[in-house]
Amino acid sequence: MRDFSADHRWLSLNTATVRKQGDLVAIIEACARHGIRAIDPWRDQVAAVGFDRAVRAVRDAGLDLSGYCRGGMFTADAARRIEARDDNRRAVDEAKALGAPCIVLVVGGLPQYSRPGSAASKDIIGARSQVHDAIAEMMEYAQQASMPLAIEPLHPAYAADRACVNTTKQALDLCDRLDPERTGALGVALDVYHIWWDPEVLPQIARAGKDRLLAFHVCDWMVPTKDILNDRGMMGDGVIDIKPLRAAVEAQGFAGYSEIEIFSNDWWGKPMDEVLQTCIARHRTVV
């Protein structure tokens, strides 16, 4: 396993971590101040500053990207499926222009939550079938741009509203069905917040292998958790044993960034520089 204790060369900042403290340009400038060499920007943050300005800011700062957040939210009623398809194609185009190595897919839950305005449904089996078909369709477009897609399994608490793919096994089953030749077009983004609890996670990481492991995200799980969406912890403040999970992905050959992604009302209330300094310190000691 790589030694992170001496520097933060392999730290990437998911820009949601400081989304309340400044816009994307301000975040990029702060990363440059702190020697952070990679980011994973969110589409809404890119849109807020203007796409061309975002591309210039990334290039001028000399930053790598560890991913692009996000594609997906595939589940919808029939009236909104074309909307979902077109939105995901735009995500591919944006990721390509920004130089992202993959698009992170949060696949969607029940249609009324994934695509507001869709007719209400409780059919989670049908939702998962939609996800399969929609990823297959998105792959055709993404392969033309040589843009890999990374399915992110989310904790089961999000099954209804954000992602009906909830385990690494489910995500890899999709990969095997849709990309059986392991072409590199489809893989997984593993976030410790969503996978730490899973008794099958280590054998599933081994099953994934190097070619399926496209992204690795870190944060922590607080006890008690006050808000299932916006109370993630800084690494080391919660109960996740992060190092064994990183060791497992690196044992398969993963050599990319450890991406810090923290949705937290607490950390959003602190100055950006303080948050980044803490991220760097914890990346060296806990990740």
Protein backbone atom coordinates (compact mmCIF):
# COMPACT_ATOMS: atom_id res chain seq x y z
CA MET A 1 0.00 0.00 0.00
CA ARG A 2 1.26 3.47 -0.83
CA ASP A 3 2.65 5.64 1.95
CA PHE A 4 0.66 8.88 2.17
CA SER A 5 2.34 10.14 5.35
CA ALA A 6 4.96 12.38 3.71
CA ASP A 7 2.84 14.31 1.24
CA HIS A 8 -0.61 14.61 -0.30
CA ARG A 9 0.29 13.88 -3.90
CA TRP A 10 -2.61 11.41 -4.19
CA LEU A 11 -5.27 13.53 -2.52
CA SER A 12 -8.13 14.66 -4.73
CA LEU A 13 -10.83 17.02 -3.51
CA ASN A 14 -14.41 16.34 -4.45
CA THR A 15 -15.64 19.90 -4.75
CA ALA A 16 -18.84 19.16 -2.82
CA THR A 17 -16.65 19.13 0.30
CA VAL A 18 -16.47 22.94 0.28
CA ARG A 19 -19.41 23.79 -1.95
CA LYS A 20 -20.93 26.21 0.58
CA GLN A 21 -17.72 28.22 1.07
CA GLY A 22 -17.18 29.38 -2.50
CA ASP A 23 -17.80 28.76 -6.17
CA LEU A 24 -15.77 26.37 -8.29
CA VAL A 25 -13.20 28.98 -9.30
CA ALA A 26 -12.61 29.89 -5.64
CA ILE A 27 -12.25 26.19 -4.81
CA ILE A 28 -9.71 25.70 -7.58
CA GLU A 29 -7.73 28.70 -6.35
CA ALA A 30 -7.76 27.29 -2.81
CA CYS A 31 -6.55 23.91 -4.04
CA ALA A 32 -3.64 25.65 -5.77
CA ARG A 33 -2.77 27.43 -2.51
CA HIS A 34 -2.64 24.15 -0.65
CA GLY A 35 -0.87 22.08 -3.26
CA ILE A 36 -3.88 19.88 -3.98
CA ARG A 37 -3.34 18.54 -7.48
CA ALA A 38 -6.70 17.02 -8.39
CA ILE A 39 -10.43 17.65 -8.04
CA ASP A 40 -13.72 16.01 -8.90
CA PRO A 41 -16.13 18.82 -9.79
CA TRP A 42 -19.92 18.66 -9.72
CA ARG A 43 -21.95 19.61 -12.76
CA ASP A 44 -24.02 22.21 -10.94
CA GLN A 45 -20.86 23.94 -9.73
CA VAL A 46 -19.47 23.93 -13.26
CA ALA A 47 -22.71 25.40 -14.61
CA ALA A 48 -22.77 28.10 -11.93
CA VAL A 49 -19.46 29.62 -13.09
CA GLY A 50 -20.00 28.85 -16.77
CA PHE A 51 -18.61 25.83 -18.56
CA ASP A 52 -15.90 27.61 -20.55
CA ARG A 53 -14.68 29.44 -17.44
CA ALA A 54 -14.55 26.17 -15.52
CA VAL A 55 -12.49 24.48 -18.23
CA ARG A 56 -10.04 27.40 -18.28
CA ALA A 57 -9.74 27.47 -14.50
CA VAL A 58 -8.92 23.75 -14.33
CA ARG A 59 -6.36 24.03 -17.11
CA ASP A 60 -4.77 27.23 -15.83
CA ALA A 61 -4.31 25.64 -12.40
CA GLY A 62 -2.80 22.52 -13.94
CA LEU A 63 -5.21 20.28 -12.07
CA ASP A 64 -5.99 16.65 -12.79
CA LEU A 65 -9.53 15.34 -12.42
CA SER A 66 -10.26 12.14 -10.52
CA GLY A 67 -13.80 11.97 -11.91
CA TYR A 68 -16.82 14.05 -12.84
CA CYS A 69 -19.98 14.18 -10.70
CA ARG A 70 -22.34 13.14 -11.78
CA GLY A 71 -24.26 11.19 -14.36
CA GLY A 72 -27.15 8.86 -13.73
CA MET A 73 -30.52 9.51 -12.13
CA PHE A 74 -31.76 7.23 -14.88
CA THR A 75 -35.07 6.15 -13.41
CA ALA A 76 -38.07 8.09 -14.71
CA ASP A 77 -41.52 7.57 -16.07
CA ALA A 78 -41.89 7.21 -19.82
CA ALA A 79 -42.44 10.95 -20.32
CA ARG A 80 -39.06 11.83 -18.81
CA ARG A 81 -36.73 9.09 -20.04
CA ILE A 82 -35.61 11.10 -23.07
CA GLU A 83 -34.81 13.97 -20.70
CA ALA A 84 -32.65 11.62 -18.62
CA ARG A 85 -30.90 10.23 -21.70
CA ASP A 86 -30.10 13.68 -23.08
CA ASP A 87 -28.88 14.96 -19.72
CA ASN A 88 -26.47 12.06 -19.44
CA ARG A 89 -25.17 12.64 -22.92
CA ARG A 90 -24.41 16.22 -21.95
CA ALA A 91 -22.53 14.89 -18.93
CA VAL A 92 -20.35 12.82 -21.26
CA ASP A 93 -19.59 15.84 -23.42
CA GLU A 94 -18.72 17.97 -20.37
CA ALA A 95 -16.51 15.29 -18.83
CA LYS A 96 -14.61 14.90 -22.09
CA ALA A 97 -13.98 18.64 -22.41
CA LEU A 98 -12.83 18.88 -18.78
CA GLY A 99 -10.44 15.95 -19.14
CA ALA A 100 -12.13 13.70 -16.59
CA PRO A 101 -11.02 10.06 -16.42
CA CYS A 102 -14.57 8.83 -15.74
CA ILE A 103 -18.12 9.91 -14.95
CA VAL A 104 -19.47 8.84 -11.58
CA LEU A 105 -22.97 7.41 -11.91
CA VAL A 106 -25.52 7.77 -9.12
CA VAL A 107 -28.14 5.65 -10.81
CA GLY A 108 -31.37 6.88 -9.25
CA GLY A 109 -33.99 5.30 -7.03
CA LEU A 110 -37.73 5.37 -7.54
CA PRO A 111 -38.74 7.56 -10.51
CA GLN A 112 -40.57 10.28 -8.59
CA TYR A 113 -37.38 11.09 -6.66
CA SER A 114 -34.84 10.65 -9.43
CA ARG A 115 -36.73 12.71 -11.99
CA PRO A 116 -39.18 14.97 -10.13
CA GLY A 117 -42.54 15.10 -11.83
CA SER A 118 -42.41 11.42 -12.77
CA ALA A 119 -45.40 9.33 -11.81
CA ALA A 120 -45.01 7.75 -8.38
CA SER A 121 -43.93 4.13 -8.22
CA LYS A 122 -42.88 1.63 -5.55
CA ASP A 123 -41.45 -0.82 -8.09
CA ILE A 124 -37.77 -1.02 -7.13
CA ILE A 125 -37.28 -4.13 -9.28
CA GLY A 126 -38.53 -2.16 -12.26
CA ALA A 127 -36.26 0.72 -11.30
CA ARG A 128 -33.24 -1.59 -11.35
CA SER A 129 -34.26 -2.87 -14.76
CA GLN A 130 -34.44 0.72 -16.01
CA VAL A 131 -30.96 1.37 -14.66
CA HIS A 132 -29.58 -1.62 -16.57
CA ASP A 133 -31.12 -0.48 -19.84
CA ALA A 134 -30.19 3.17 -19.39
CA ILE A 135 -26.55 2.42 -18.62
CA ALA A 136 -26.41 0.20 -21.71
CA GLU A 137 -27.71 3.11 -23.79
CA MET A 138 -25.37 5.64 -22.15
CA MET A 139 -22.40 3.35 -22.73
CA GLU A 140 -22.94 3.47 -26.48
CA TYR A 141 -22.62 7.26 -26.42
CA ALA A 142 -19.81 7.33 -23.87
CA GLN A 143 -17.70 4.81 -25.76
CA GLN A 144 -17.66 7.13 -28.77
CA ALA A 145 -15.98 9.68 -26.50
CA SER A 146 -13.76 7.07 -24.79
CA MET A 147 -15.33 8.09 -21.48
CA PRO A 148 -15.53 5.32 -18.85
CA LEU A 149 -18.60 5.14 -16.62
CA ALA A 150 -18.20 4.41 -12.90
CA ILE A 151 -21.26 3.02 -11.10
CA GLU A 152 -21.30 4.16 -7.48
CA PRO A 153 -23.21 1.82 -5.16
CA LEU A 154 -24.89 3.84 -2.42
CA HIS A 155 -25.76 2.80 1.12
CA PRO A 156 -29.19 1.09 1.27
CA ALA A 157 -30.62 4.13 3.09
CA TYR A 158 -30.58 5.83 -0.33
CA ALA A 159 -32.35 3.07 -2.25
CA ALA A 160 -35.60 4.98 -2.70
CA ASP A 161 -34.41 8.45 -3.57
CA ARG A 162 -30.86 8.28 -4.93
CA ALA A 163 -29.64 4.84 -5.96
CA CYS A 164 -31.27 1.43 -6.17
CA VAL A 165 -27.80 -0.09 -6.66
CA ASN A 166 -26.69 -0.53 -3.06
CA THR A 167 -23.82 -3.00 -2.91
CA THR A 168 -20.55 -3.48 -4.69
CA LYS A 169 -21.86 -6.87 -5.85
CA GLN A 170 -24.90 -5.29 -7.50
CA ALA A 171 -22.69 -2.75 -9.27
CA LEU A 172 -20.27 -5.43 -10.47
CA ASP A 173 -23.14 -7.64 -11.63
CA LEU A 174 -24.21 -4.77 -13.87
CA CYS A 175 -20.65 -4.39 -15.13
CA ASP A 176 -20.42 -8.07 -15.96
CA ARG A 177 -23.71 -8.08 -17.82
CA LEU A 178 -23.05 -4.89 -19.78
CA ASP A 179 -19.30 -5.14 -20.31
CA PRO A 180 -18.43 -8.84 -20.07
CA GLU A 181 -15.20 -8.39 -22.01
CA ARG A 182 -13.91 -5.87 -19.44
CA THR A 183 -13.15 -3.28 -22.07
CA GLY A 184 -12.65 -0.48 -19.53
CA ALA A 185 -15.90 1.20 -20.55
CA LEU A 186 -17.67 0.40 -17.27
CA GLY A 187 -16.52 0.04 -13.68
CA VAL A 188 -17.23 1.18 -10.16
CA ALA A 189 -16.59 4.17 -7.92
CA LEU A 190 -16.25 2.93 -4.35
CA ASP A 191 -16.97 5.36 -1.53
CA VAL A 192 -16.14 4.10 1.95
CA TYR A 193 -19.26 5.85 3.30
CA HIS A 194 -21.42 3.50 1.27
CA ILE A 195 -19.49 0.23 1.41
CA TRP A 196 -17.80 0.02 4.83
CA TRP A 197 -20.66 -1.92 6.43
CA ASP A 198 -20.93 -4.62 3.72
CA PRO A 199 -19.68 -8.07 4.86
CA GLU A 200 -18.95 -8.96 1.22
CA VAL A 201 -17.00 -5.84 0.35
CA LEU A 202 -13.48 -7.30 0.45
CA PRO A 203 -14.18 -10.30 -1.81
CA GLN A 204 -16.13 -8.00 -4.12
CA ILE A 205 -13.18 -5.60 -4.37
CA ALA A 206 -11.03 -8.60 -5.32
CA ARG A 207 -13.66 -9.58 -7.89
CA ALA A 208 -13.57 -6.09 -9.38
CA GLY A 209 -9.88 -6.19 -10.15
CA LYS A 210 -7.86 -3.31 -11.43
CA ASP A 211 -9.87 -2.74 -14.61
CA ARG A 212 -13.18 -2.21 -12.78
CA LEU A 213 -11.85 0.04 -9.98
CA LEU A 214 -12.21 3.52 -11.47
CA ALA A 215 -12.49 5.72 -8.36
CA PHE A 216 -12.04 5.55 -4.58
CA HIS A 217 -13.74 8.07 -2.26
CA VAL A 218 -13.11 8.67 1.44
CA CYS A 219 -14.85 10.35 4.38
CA ASP A 220 -16.24 8.89 7.63
CA TRP A 221 -19.47 7.65 9.22
CA MET A 222 -20.51 9.52 12.34
CA VAL A 223 -22.30 7.93 15.28
CA PRO A 224 -24.89 9.14 15.75
CA THR A 225 -25.55 10.35 12.22
CA LYS A 226 -27.78 13.42 12.45
CA ASP A 227 -28.54 13.67 8.72
CA ILE A 228 -28.09 10.69 6.41
CA LEU A 229 -27.14 12.96 3.50
CA ASN A 230 -25.33 15.91 5.06
CA ASP A 231 -23.59 14.62 8.18
CA ARG A 232 -20.60 12.78 6.79
CA GLY A 233 -17.49 12.93 8.91
CA MET A 234 -13.95 14.03 8.28
CA MET A 235 -11.70 10.98 8.02
CA GLY A 236 -10.76 9.84 11.51
CA ASP A 237 -13.79 11.36 13.24
CA GLY A 238 -16.09 8.37 12.78
CA VAL A 239 -16.15 4.57 12.76
CA ILE A 240 -14.85 3.59 9.31
CA ASP A 241 -11.54 1.74 9.22
CA ILE A 242 -10.34 3.33 5.99
CA LYS A 243 -6.84 1.91 5.58
CA PRO A 244 -7.90 -1.73 5.06
CA LEU A 245 -10.32 -0.64 2.34
CA ARG A 246 -7.61 1.38 0.58
CA ALA A 247 -5.25 -1.56 0.99
CA ALA A 248 -7.82 -3.81 -0.67
CA VAL A 249 -8.27 -1.61 -3.74
CA GLU A 250 -4.54 -1.00 -4.06
CA ALA A 251 -3.90 -4.75 -3.81
CA GLN A 252 -5.85 -5.01 -7.05
CA GLY A 253 -3.61 -2.45 -8.71
CA PHE A 254 -5.58 0.73 -8.13
CA ALA A 255 -3.06 3.58 -8.15
CA GLY A 256 -5.29 6.61 -8.51
CA TYR A 257 -6.38 9.39 -6.19
CA SER A 258 -8.02 8.95 -2.81
CA GLU A 259 -10.82 11.43 -3.30
CA ILE A 260 -12.20 13.25 -0.27
CA GLU A 261 -15.96 13.72 -0.54
CA ILE A 262 -17.67 15.11 2.56
CA PHE A 263 -21.26 16.35 2.60
CA SER A 264 -21.44 17.97 6.02
CA ASN A 265 -23.40 20.87 7.45
CA ASP A 266 -20.69 21.04 10.11
CA TRP A 267 -17.72 21.24 7.74
CA TRP A 268 -19.58 23.55 5.34
CA GLY A 269 -19.72 26.03 8.22
CA LYS A 270 -15.92 26.25 8.55
CA PRO A 271 -13.54 28.41 6.47
CA MET A 272 -12.41 26.75 3.24
CA ASP A 273 -8.71 26.92 4.10
CA GLU A 274 -9.32 25.25 7.47
CA VAL A 275 -11.24 22.44 5.81
CA LEU A 276 -8.52 21.85 3.22
CA GLN A 277 -5.78 21.91 5.85
CA THR A 278 -7.67 19.30 7.84
CA CYS A 279 -8.24 17.19 4.72
CA ILE A 280 -4.50 17.19 4.04
CA ALA A 281 -3.61 16.26 7.62
CA ARG A 282 -6.12 13.42 7.78
CA HIS A 283 -5.15 12.15 4.33
CA ARG A 284 -1.60 11.73 5.64
CA THR A 285 -2.57 10.08 8.93
CA VAL A 286 -5.91 8.28 8.53
CA VAL A 287 -6.39 7.47 4.84
